[in-house]
Protein backbone atom coordinates (compact mmCIF):
# COMPACT_ATOMS: atom_id res chain seq x y z
CA UNK A 1 95.73 108.75 103.93
CA UNK A 2 97.91 106.78 101.53
CA UNK A 3 100.62 106.06 104.09
CA UNK A 4 98.05 104.65 106.52
CA UNK A 5 96.51 102.53 103.76
CA UNK A 6 99.89 100.92 103.16
CA UNK A 7 100.69 100.44 106.84
CA UNK A 8 101.77 96.83 107.18
CA UNK A 9 101.01 94.63 110.20
CA UNK A 10 102.82 95.53 113.41
CA UNK A 11 104.63 92.19 113.47
CA UNK A 12 107.07 93.67 110.94
CA UNK A 13 108.00 96.43 113.34
CA UNK A 14 109.53 93.87 115.67
CA UNK A 15 112.11 93.18 112.99
CA UNK A 16 112.24 96.23 110.75
CA UNK A 17 113.67 98.51 113.39
CA UNK A 18 117.20 97.17 113.18
CA UNK A 19 118.26 95.52 109.98
CA UNK A 20 122.00 95.61 109.62
CA UNK A 21 124.15 94.97 106.58
CA UNK A 22 126.28 91.88 107.06
CA UNK A 23 129.35 91.00 105.03
CA UNK A 24 129.41 87.37 103.92
CA UNK A 25 132.14 85.33 105.53
CA UNK A 26 133.36 81.92 104.41
CA UNK A 27 130.66 79.26 104.62
CA UNK A 28 127.14 78.53 103.47
CA UNK A 29 125.28 81.61 102.22
CA UNK A 30 121.94 80.08 103.18
CA UNK A 31 123.09 79.73 106.76
CA UNK A 32 124.50 83.25 106.51
CA UNK A 33 121.11 84.64 105.47
CA UNK A 34 119.50 82.92 108.44
CA UNK A 35 122.14 84.24 110.82
CA UNK A 36 121.62 87.72 109.37
CA UNK A 37 117.89 87.72 110.16
CA UNK A 38 118.45 86.13 113.57
CA UNK A 39 121.01 88.77 114.51
CA UNK A 40 119.02 91.75 113.33
CA UNK A 41 115.88 90.48 115.06
CA UNK A 42 117.61 90.73 118.43
CA UNK A 43 118.99 94.15 117.51
CA UNK A 44 115.47 95.24 116.59
CA UNK A 45 114.13 94.19 119.96
CA UNK A 46 116.90 96.16 121.67
CA UNK A 47 116.15 99.19 119.50
CA UNK A 48 112.40 99.14 120.08
CA UNK A 49 112.69 98.43 123.78
CA UNK A 50 115.20 101.18 124.58
CA UNK A 51 113.25 103.63 126.73
CA UNK A 52 116.23 105.96 127.10
CA UNK A 53 115.92 107.40 123.59
CA UNK A 54 113.31 109.79 122.23
CA UNK A 55 110.91 109.21 119.36
CA UNK A 56 112.96 111.49 117.12
CA UNK A 57 116.12 109.56 117.95
CA UNK A 58 114.39 106.27 117.12
CA UNK A 59 113.18 107.73 113.85
CA UNK A 60 116.67 108.92 112.91
CA UNK A 61 118.18 105.52 113.72
CA UNK A 62 115.46 103.72 111.84
CA UNK A 63 115.94 105.86 108.74
CA UNK A 64 119.69 105.30 108.78
CA UNK A 65 119.30 101.55 109.19
CA UNK A 66 116.63 101.39 106.51
CA UNK A 67 118.86 103.12 103.97
CA UNK A 68 121.83 100.90 104.73
CA UNK A 69 120.04 97.57 105.06
CA UNK A 70 117.20 97.45 102.54
CA UNK A 71 117.58 97.55 98.78
CA UNK A 72 115.12 100.42 98.61
CA UNK A 73 115.56 100.98 94.89
CA UNK A 74 114.70 97.36 94.11
CA UNK A 75 111.72 97.43 96.47
CA UNK A 76 110.49 100.78 95.17
CA UNK A 77 110.92 99.80 91.53
CA UNK A 78 108.96 96.59 92.09
CA UNK A 79 106.20 98.49 93.89
CA UNK A 80 105.81 100.87 90.93
CA UNK A 81 105.52 97.88 88.59
CA UNK A 82 105.09 98.53 84.87
CA UNK A 83 104.84 102.27 85.51
CA UNK A 84 108.57 102.35 86.25
CA UNK A 85 109.22 101.83 82.54
CA UNK A 86 106.89 104.65 81.50
CA UNK A 87 108.23 107.17 84.02
CA UNK A 88 111.11 109.54 83.29
CA UNK A 89 114.28 110.00 85.33
CA UNK A 90 112.94 112.99 87.29
CA UNK A 91 109.76 111.09 88.23
CA UNK A 92 111.74 108.04 89.31
CA UNK A 93 114.07 110.09 91.48
CA UNK A 94 111.21 111.88 93.23
CA UNK A 95 109.21 108.68 93.58
CA UNK A 96 112.05 106.80 95.31
CA UNK A 97 112.53 109.66 97.75
CA UNK A 98 108.80 109.89 98.51
CA UNK A 99 108.55 106.10 98.82
CA UNK A 100 111.32 106.01 101.42
CA UNK A 101 109.77 108.92 103.32
CA UNK A 102 106.44 107.08 103.38
CA UNK A 103 108.02 103.94 104.83
CA UNK A 104 109.82 105.93 107.54
CA UNK A 105 106.65 107.80 108.47
CA UNK A 106 104.50 104.68 108.63
CA UNK A 107 106.84 102.75 110.91
CA UNK A 108 107.80 105.72 113.06
CA UNK A 109 104.15 106.22 113.94
CA UNK A 110 104.02 102.65 115.28
CA UNK A 111 107.12 102.51 117.46
CA UNK A 112 105.00 102.71 120.61
CA UNK A 113 103.19 99.48 119.77
CA UNK A 114 106.12 97.27 120.72
CA UNK A 115 105.19 95.38 123.91
CA UNK A 116 108.00 92.89 124.33
CA UNK A 117 107.36 90.41 121.53
CA UNK A 118 110.24 88.14 120.59
CA UNK A 119 111.35 86.59 117.30
CA UNK A 120 112.48 83.07 116.55
CA UNK A 121 114.19 82.14 113.28
CA UNK A 122 113.46 78.51 112.44
CA UNK A 123 114.57 77.74 108.89
CA UNK A 124 115.95 79.03 105.62
CA UNK A 125 116.25 77.92 102.01
CA UNK A 126 117.80 79.11 98.78
CA UNK A 127 115.47 80.54 96.13
CA UNK A 128 117.52 80.90 92.98
CA UNK A 129 121.19 81.82 92.84
CA UNK A 130 121.12 85.03 94.92
CA UNK A 131 117.91 84.97 96.99
CA UNK A 132 117.12 83.20 100.24
CA UNK A 133 113.86 82.79 102.16
CA UNK A 134 114.34 82.99 105.92
CA UNK A 135 111.35 81.87 107.99
CA UNK A 136 110.81 83.40 111.39
CA UNK A 137 107.97 83.61 113.90
CA UNK A 138 106.90 86.53 116.05
CA UNK A 139 106.05 85.16 119.48
CA UNK A 140 103.46 87.01 121.58
CA UNK A 141 103.84 88.02 125.20
CA UNK A 142 101.44 85.89 127.21
CA UNK A 143 98.49 84.50 125.26
CA UNK A 144 98.04 84.81 121.53
CA UNK A 145 99.14 83.08 118.35
CA UNK A 146 102.58 83.23 116.81
CA UNK A 147 102.79 84.82 113.38
CA UNK A 148 104.96 83.55 110.54
CA UNK A 149 107.13 86.15 108.83
CA UNK A 150 109.27 85.15 105.84
CA UNK A 151 112.09 87.38 104.67
CA UNK A 152 113.41 87.43 101.11
CA UNK A 153 117.11 88.13 101.54
CA UNK A 154 119.28 88.90 98.53
CA UNK A 155 123.02 88.37 98.52
CA UNK A 156 124.53 91.12 96.38
CA UNK A 157 127.96 92.72 96.41
CA UNK A 158 129.09 90.57 99.33
CA UNK A 159 126.20 91.74 101.51
CA UNK A 160 122.71 90.66 102.50
CA UNK A 161 119.81 92.98 101.73
CA UNK A 162 116.08 92.63 102.34
CA UNK A 163 113.92 92.92 99.21
CA UNK A 164 110.55 91.60 100.46
CA UNK A 165 108.67 90.56 103.59
CA UNK A 166 105.90 87.95 103.56
CA UNK A 167 103.53 88.01 106.54
CA UNK A 168 101.27 84.98 106.96
CA UNK A 169 101.73 84.22 103.26
CA UNK A 170 101.06 87.76 102.02
CA UNK A 171 103.88 89.60 100.22
CA UNK A 172 104.18 93.22 101.31
CA UNK A 173 105.85 94.16 98.01
CA UNK A 174 103.06 92.62 95.93
CA UNK A 175 100.41 94.28 98.08
CA UNK A 176 102.15 97.63 97.76
CA UNK A 177 102.42 97.30 93.98
CA UNK A 178 98.71 96.51 93.71
CA UNK A 179 97.78 99.55 95.79
CA UNK A 180 100.08 101.88 93.85
CA UNK A 181 98.66 100.59 90.56
CA UNK A 182 95.12 101.31 91.77
CA UNK A 183 96.03 104.91 92.62
CA UNK A 184 97.67 105.45 89.23
CA UNK A 185 94.84 103.80 87.29
CA UNK A 186 92.23 105.92 89.04
CA UNK A 187 94.25 108.93 87.91
CA UNK A 188 94.18 107.96 84.26
CA UNK A 189 97.44 106.02 84.23
CA UNK A 190 99.66 108.96 85.12
CA UNK A 191 102.58 108.43 87.52
CA UNK A 192 102.27 112.09 88.54
CA UNK A 193 99.00 111.22 90.26
CA UNK A 194 100.82 108.85 92.61
CA UNK A 195 103.59 111.39 93.19
CA UNK A 196 101.02 114.04 94.14
CA UNK A 197 99.33 111.59 96.50
CA UNK A 198 102.63 110.72 98.19
CA UNK A 199 103.57 114.38 98.51
CA UNK A 200 100.35 115.08 100.37
CA UNK A 201 101.00 112.48 103.05
């Protein structure tokens, strides 16, 4: 299944459950990006660890938070790569909808994997005029190794938005783009092949 193929490591679930959009206040935007990730990490833990809500309720909350906190158009456009330019408006519209549905489905199926891991934000740096890289670590419960997760945060329109996640040095956006390109190329270079594949998931 395509959605399963693109399922990213569970460490992301610790954070992805509760991104929140944060208005920039006076002060350093780099520090603001770090505070944004630190705050949403704790909210994610609360969200994933709340045993009083049902799976459907978690899914609904996750979808709402995803739409408000990620720049899904930027992420989706990057994932489609050069095929974005060759697609028409109708294909782009359907693709972005299917892409978002795929992300929701993949993460919703993994909610039960949360076992009490915690997140520690340790540093941040500017990367250009609008982007910031926030470095965090997912800390295991008991034994096990911590895992580095870097977040590319973009400051746009007075808000922070996530546009990429890098786990142990591997960009999820780049990986996704490579996988989408493979599907399209196997189908003769037609975007409709990817759309059909996503519809079937």
